[in-house]
Protein backbone atom coordinates (compact mmCIF):
# COMPACT_ATOMS: atom_id res chain seq x y z
CA UNK A 1 -31.72 -4.00 23.17
CA UNK A 2 -32.95 -0.54 22.74
CA UNK A 3 -31.65 0.53 19.58
CA UNK A 4 -34.15 0.95 16.72
CA UNK A 5 -33.44 -1.38 13.93
CA UNK A 6 -33.74 -0.73 10.05
CA UNK A 7 -32.94 -3.31 7.41
CA UNK A 8 -32.13 -2.34 3.90
CA UNK A 9 -32.46 -5.56 1.09
CA UNK A 10 -35.16 -7.87 2.13
CA UNK A 11 -34.43 -10.29 -0.57
CA UNK A 12 -33.55 -14.02 -0.28
CA UNK A 13 -31.59 -13.74 2.90
CA UNK A 14 -32.41 -10.26 4.04
CA UNK A 15 -36.28 -11.13 4.15
CA UNK A 16 -35.62 -14.26 6.25
CA UNK A 17 -33.22 -12.41 8.63
CA UNK A 18 -35.83 -9.62 8.99
CA UNK A 19 -38.53 -11.90 9.74
CA UNK A 20 -36.49 -13.56 12.35
CA UNK A 21 -36.05 -10.30 14.00
CA UNK A 22 -39.65 -9.45 13.93
CA UNK A 23 -40.94 -12.67 15.43
CA UNK A 24 -38.27 -12.27 17.96
CA UNK A 25 -40.11 -9.30 19.17
CA UNK A 26 -37.77 -6.62 17.63
CA UNK A 27 -39.64 -4.10 15.35
CA UNK A 28 -37.91 -3.49 12.29
CA UNK A 29 -38.04 -0.39 9.73
CA UNK A 30 -37.44 -2.09 6.24
CA UNK A 31 -36.68 -0.63 2.85
CA UNK A 32 -36.52 -2.53 -0.46
CA UNK A 33 -37.01 -1.71 -3.98
CA UNK A 34 -39.72 -4.39 -3.89
CA UNK A 35 -42.14 -2.90 -1.30
CA UNK A 36 -43.95 -6.28 -1.16
CA UNK A 37 -40.83 -8.05 0.27
CA UNK A 38 -41.06 -5.69 3.10
CA UNK A 39 -44.41 -6.72 4.04
CA UNK A 40 -43.72 -10.29 3.71
CA UNK A 41 -40.91 -10.15 6.10
CA UNK A 42 -43.08 -8.60 8.75
CA UNK A 43 -41.37 -5.04 8.65
CA UNK A 44 -42.53 -1.46 8.84
CA UNK A 45 -41.98 0.07 5.36
CA UNK A 46 -39.93 2.85 4.86
CA UNK A 47 -40.37 5.19 1.77
CA UNK A 48 -36.40 5.61 1.23
CA UNK A 49 -33.23 4.32 2.68
CA UNK A 50 -32.50 7.77 3.81
CA UNK A 51 -35.71 7.84 5.68
CA UNK A 52 -34.92 4.40 7.19
CA UNK A 53 -31.49 5.68 8.32
CA UNK A 54 -32.99 8.82 9.98
CA UNK A 55 -35.23 6.76 12.06
CA UNK A 56 -32.64 4.10 13.22
CA UNK A 57 -29.77 3.55 15.33
CA UNK A 58 -28.58 0.23 14.00
CA UNK A 59 -29.00 -0.24 10.13
CA UNK A 60 -28.42 -3.75 8.51
CA UNK A 61 -27.66 -4.30 4.85
CA UNK A 62 -28.18 -7.21 2.62
CA UNK A 63 -27.32 -6.23 -0.81
CA UNK A 64 -25.99 -7.94 -4.06
CA UNK A 65 -22.47 -6.96 -4.05
CA UNK A 66 -19.91 -4.16 -3.16
CA UNK A 67 -21.18 -2.05 -6.14
CA UNK A 68 -24.55 -1.85 -4.72
CA UNK A 69 -23.53 -1.47 -1.29
CA UNK A 70 -21.28 1.68 -2.27
CA UNK A 71 -24.33 2.95 -4.16
CA UNK A 72 -26.48 2.87 -1.20
CA UNK A 73 -24.05 3.73 1.40
CA UNK A 74 -21.91 6.48 -0.17
CA UNK A 75 -23.85 7.33 -3.43
CA UNK A 76 -27.21 8.11 -1.85
CA UNK A 77 -26.93 11.73 -0.49
CA UNK A 78 -29.68 11.13 1.75
CA UNK A 79 -28.51 7.98 3.40
CA UNK A 80 -25.07 9.56 4.16
CA UNK A 81 -26.77 12.92 5.39
CA UNK A 82 -29.05 10.85 7.80
CA UNK A 83 -26.05 9.28 9.55
CA UNK A 84 -25.20 10.34 12.95
CA UNK A 85 -22.24 9.85 15.27
CA UNK A 86 -22.76 6.66 17.48
CA UNK A 87 -24.79 4.96 14.79
CA UNK A 88 -23.72 1.21 13.72
CA UNK A 89 -24.00 -0.27 10.41
CA UNK A 90 -23.93 -3.89 9.92
CA UNK A 91 -23.20 -5.03 6.40
CA UNK A 92 -24.59 -8.72 5.96
CA UNK A 93 -23.66 -8.70 1.96
CA UNK A 94 -21.26 -10.80 0.30
CA UNK A 95 -18.68 -8.02 -0.53
CA UNK A 96 -15.06 -7.18 -1.74
CA UNK A 97 -12.81 -6.59 1.57
CA UNK A 98 -11.10 -3.68 0.08
CA UNK A 99 -14.52 -1.86 -0.64
CA UNK A 100 -15.73 -2.62 3.03
CA UNK A 101 -12.60 -1.25 4.45
CA UNK A 102 -12.99 2.00 2.43
CA UNK A 103 -16.47 2.34 3.37
CA UNK A 104 -15.34 1.86 7.17
CA UNK A 105 -12.96 4.66 6.93
CA UNK A 106 -15.50 6.96 5.36
CA UNK A 107 -18.00 6.35 7.96
CA UNK A 108 -15.48 6.71 10.89
CA UNK A 109 -14.96 10.14 9.70
CA UNK A 110 -18.77 10.62 10.93
CA UNK A 111 -18.50 8.72 13.92
CA UNK A 112 -20.45 5.70 12.59
CA UNK A 113 -19.15 2.45 13.18
CA UNK A 114 -19.27 -0.05 10.13
CA UNK A 115 -19.27 -3.84 10.50
CA UNK A 116 -18.67 -6.35 7.86
CA UNK A 117 -20.60 -9.54 8.73
CA UNK A 118 -20.11 -12.42 6.35
CA UNK A 119 -22.84 -15.08 6.69
CA UNK A 120 -22.89 -18.82 6.13
CA UNK A 121 -25.69 -21.27 6.22
CA UNK A 122 -28.15 -20.42 3.30
CA UNK A 123 -31.87 -19.75 3.15
CA UNK A 124 -32.74 -22.80 5.37
CA UNK A 125 -30.32 -21.71 8.19
CA UNK A 126 -31.79 -18.21 8.03
CA UNK A 127 -35.20 -19.40 8.54
CA UNK A 128 -34.27 -21.16 11.43
CA UNK A 129 -32.04 -18.30 12.76
CA UNK A 130 -29.10 -20.67 12.68
CA UNK A 131 -26.83 -18.79 10.65
CA UNK A 132 -22.86 -18.59 11.31
CA UNK A 133 -21.70 -14.74 11.29
CA UNK A 134 -17.96 -13.73 10.83
CA UNK A 135 -17.82 -10.19 11.67
CA UNK A 136 -14.92 -7.45 11.11
CA UNK A 137 -14.74 -4.11 12.88
CA UNK A 138 -15.05 -2.72 16.26
CA UNK A 139 -15.69 -5.36 19.10
CA UNK A 140 -17.51 -2.95 21.20
CA UNK A 141 -19.87 -2.18 18.21
CA UNK A 142 -20.41 -5.91 17.81
CA UNK A 143 -21.21 -6.37 21.51
CA UNK A 144 -23.91 -3.80 20.95
CA UNK A 145 -25.57 -5.21 18.09
CA UNK A 146 -25.09 -9.12 19.21
CA UNK A 147 -28.78 -9.36 20.72
CA UNK A 148 -30.07 -8.41 17.51
CA UNK A 149 -27.64 -10.84 15.42
CA UNK A 150 -28.55 -13.46 18.01
CA UNK A 151 -31.95 -13.73 16.41
CA UNK A 152 -30.56 -14.94 13.08
CA UNK A 153 -27.21 -16.71 14.07
CA UNK A 154 -26.23 -19.41 16.62
CA UNK A 155 -22.56 -18.52 15.79
CA UNK A 156 -21.12 -15.36 15.96
CA UNK A 157 -17.38 -15.00 15.58
CA UNK A 158 -15.30 -11.55 15.65
CA UNK A 159 -12.62 -11.93 13.18
CA UNK A 160 -10.67 -8.67 14.02
CA UNK A 161 -10.34 -5.34 11.95
CA UNK A 162 -12.55 -4.14 9.14
CA UNK A 163 -12.68 -6.25 6.32
CA UNK A 164 -11.77 -9.34 8.08
CA UNK A 165 -15.32 -10.77 8.28
CA UNK A 166 -16.02 -10.39 4.47
CA UNK A 167 -12.50 -11.95 3.94
CA UNK A 168 -13.26 -15.00 5.87
CA UNK A 169 -16.68 -15.06 4.02
CA UNK A 170 -14.89 -15.27 0.68
CA UNK A 171 -12.60 -17.97 1.81
CA UNK A 172 -15.42 -20.13 3.21
CA UNK A 173 -17.55 -19.76 0.09
CA UNK A 174 -14.76 -20.81 -2.31
CA UNK A 175 -14.35 -24.13 -0.21
CA UNK A 176 -18.10 -24.51 -0.47
CA UNK A 177 -18.03 -23.94 -4.22
CA UNK A 178 -14.97 -26.35 -4.58
CA UNK A 179 -16.89 -28.99 -2.54
CA UNK A 180 -20.29 -28.78 -4.72
CA UNK A 181 -18.60 -28.39 -8.04
CA UNK A 182 -16.41 -31.36 -7.55
CA UNK A 183 -19.00 -33.63 -5.73
CA UNK A 184 -21.42 -32.95 -8.74
CA UNK A 185 -18.92 -34.14 -11.00
CA UNK A 186 -18.16 -37.29 -8.98
CA UNK A 187 -21.88 -38.07 -8.61
CA UNK A 188 -22.49 -37.59 -12.51
CA UNK A 189 -19.54 -40.07 -12.92
CA UNK A 190 -20.98 -42.59 -10.58
CA UNK A 191 -24.39 -42.56 -12.12
CA UNK A 192 -22.77 -43.03 -15.56
CA UNK A 193 -20.75 -45.89 -13.98
CA UNK A 194 -23.95 -47.57 -12.82
CA UNK A 195 -23.21 -47.39 -9.22
CA UNK A 196 -25.79 -46.94 -6.51
CA UNK A 197 -25.78 -43.48 -5.56
CA UNK A 198 -27.06 -43.86 -1.92
CA UNK A 199 -24.35 -46.39 -1.18
CA UNK A 200 -21.71 -44.11 -2.99
CA UNK A 201 -22.73 -41.42 -0.45
CA UNK A 202 -22.44 -43.66 2.33
CA UNK A 203 -18.91 -44.48 1.26
CA UNK A 204 -17.82 -40.97 0.97
CA UNK A 205 -19.44 -39.86 4.01
CA UNK A 206 -17.43 -42.49 5.90
CA UNK A 207 -14.18 -41.82 4.02
CA UNK A 208 -11.72 -39.04 2.97
CA UNK A 209 -14.01 -37.56 0.29
CA UNK A 210 -16.73 -36.53 2.89
CA UNK A 211 -17.46 -32.84 2.65
CA UNK A 212 -20.68 -30.47 3.27
CA UNK A 213 -22.13 -31.30 -0.20
CA UNK A 214 -21.66 -35.02 0.36
CA UNK A 215 -23.57 -34.87 3.93
CA UNK A 216 -26.03 -32.28 3.15
CA UNK A 217 -26.67 -31.74 -0.54
CA UNK A 218 -26.61 -34.72 -2.48
CA UNK A 219 -28.44 -37.15 -0.16
CA UNK A 220 -31.48 -34.97 -1.25
CA UNK A 221 -30.39 -34.05 -4.72
CA UNK A 222 -30.12 -37.90 -5.85
CA UNK A 223 -34.04 -38.16 -5.08
CA UNK A 224 -34.88 -34.83 -7.08
CA UNK A 225 -34.89 -32.40 -3.98
CA UNK A 226 -32.49 -29.69 -5.04
CA UNK A 227 -33.06 -27.62 -1.92
CA UNK A 228 -34.42 -24.74 -3.83
CA UNK A 229 -33.99 -21.00 -2.27
CA UNK A 230 -30.35 -21.06 -1.79
CA UNK A 231 -27.60 -19.43 -3.43
CA UNK A 232 -27.99 -19.34 -7.31
CA UNK A 233 -25.15 -20.31 -9.84
CA UNK A 234 -24.94 -16.68 -10.87
CA UNK A 235 -24.12 -15.73 -7.22
CA UNK A 236 -21.83 -18.71 -6.62
CA UNK A 237 -19.94 -17.37 -9.65
CA UNK A 238 -19.69 -14.04 -8.43
CA UNK A 239 -18.39 -15.36 -5.16
CA UNK A 240 -15.68 -17.37 -6.78
CA UNK A 241 -14.64 -14.04 -8.82
CA UNK A 242 -14.49 -11.97 -5.65
CA UNK A 243 -12.37 -14.70 -3.99
CA UNK A 244 -9.97 -14.61 -6.89
CA UNK A 245 -9.90 -10.94 -6.82
CA UNK A 246 -9.25 -10.89 -3.10
CA UNK A 247 -6.36 -13.40 -3.42
CA UNK A 248 -4.88 -11.22 -6.09
CA UNK A 249 -4.88 -8.30 -3.84
CA UNK A 250 -3.40 -10.46 -1.03
CA UNK A 251 -0.65 -11.66 -3.36
CA UNK A 252 -1.71 -15.22 -2.98
CA UNK A 253 -1.94 -17.60 -6.26
CA UNK A 254 -5.42 -18.74 -6.92
CA UNK A 255 -4.26 -22.12 -8.23
CA UNK A 256 -7.47 -24.23 -7.69
CA UNK A 257 -10.31 -21.48 -8.86
CA UNK A 258 -10.34 -23.09 -12.30
CA UNK A 259 -12.44 -25.95 -11.38
CA UNK A 260 -15.42 -23.80 -9.75
CA UNK A 261 -15.14 -21.22 -12.17
CA UNK A 262 -15.62 -23.87 -15.09
CA UNK A 263 -18.26 -25.54 -13.36
CA UNK A 264 -20.41 -22.61 -12.45
CA UNK A 265 -19.68 -20.84 -15.65
CA UNK A 266 -21.02 -23.75 -17.32
CA UNK A 267 -24.24 -23.78 -15.39
CA UNK A 268 -24.73 -20.03 -16.10
CA UNK A 269 -24.23 -20.68 -19.72
CA UNK A 270 -26.51 -23.60 -20.13
CA UNK A 271 -29.40 -21.67 -18.46
CA UNK A 272 -29.09 -22.35 -14.82
CA UNK A 273 -27.96 -18.89 -14.05
CA UNK A 274 -31.04 -18.12 -11.79
CA UNK A 275 -31.37 -21.80 -10.30
CA UNK A 276 -29.95 -22.79 -7.11
CA UNK A 277 -26.30 -23.66 -7.32
CA UNK A 278 -27.02 -27.44 -6.52
CA UNK A 279 -28.11 -27.67 -10.29
CA UNK A 280 -24.56 -27.21 -11.30
CA UNK A 281 -24.79 -31.20 -11.26
CA UNK A 282 -27.40 -31.20 -13.97
CA UNK A 283 -25.20 -28.81 -16.06
CA UNK A 284 -22.41 -31.30 -15.83
CA UNK A 285 -24.95 -34.00 -16.38
CA UNK A 286 -26.02 -32.21 -19.55
CA UNK A 287 -22.54 -32.19 -21.31
CA UNK A 288 -22.05 -35.97 -20.11
CA UNK A 289 -24.71 -37.47 -22.02
CA UNK A 290 -27.90 -35.88 -20.42
CA UNK A 291 -27.48 -37.62 -17.13
CA UNK A 292 -29.72 -36.76 -14.09
CA UNK A 293 -29.02 -38.46 -10.65
CA UNK A 294 -32.60 -38.93 -9.99
CA UNK A 295 -34.95 -41.40 -11.87
CA UNK A 296 -37.67 -38.86 -12.62
CA UNK A 297 -35.25 -36.59 -14.71
CA UNK A 298 -33.05 -39.29 -16.00
CA UNK A 299 -34.18 -38.81 -19.56
CA UNK A 300 -34.08 -34.94 -19.24
């Protein structure tokens, strides 16, 4: 791949993805409000987003939400002025599909392809280059950037037109939120019932209650390892709200949103806002008699 790569937003996920690109032999120009994050990721620092765009052929974005994406892509006059026909912008953020489609249309007027690439796998998968990407937008543009994306993802799916990648991401994240919140509640109940938690997980993982949380999260959590570094409770709540908004736009009733909204809302209210979303189990434990799944924290 001969395209020059720029990466804007080198935080929890963006920094890890940039490191994968750099370690894979792909020079990356990086920009983040935290300049130290650019250096940690191994990228060459740019002085501004506009400077980065001017010196890149492919620009990757990993930003907090649609509001910030819109500020950077549409609100930064320098950014938009530096865009050139033939460029590809890949948005790896978790964003509202309607906003994504609007940005896609605006950039298409300048001959720029805008891909929305929802990601799944979390920080651990990002470090291994084992993410799953669900991409919306032009298929040829995806083929062009696929060699770069292959450094960060083992599975890359083309979902269809603009917005379809971010739409798929929201659907997946909602199921993740439901399974995590529901399993947390069940495990607190199992602890309070005096059940052996390892045996409970063995039962769940060989029964109809099996899910990602029972297989990959709680075998660690019951021993006090919360797998820190992943999605926070605040970000999980943001994703659930985005899902509800998206379903409202689609005209689909979000009948099952109350559970995760209550669970992660509770975690945020009790001070776990910036902690990994796995700590939702401690928030539920707090209001259930100060329960902790692991012995070292059983008298929190």
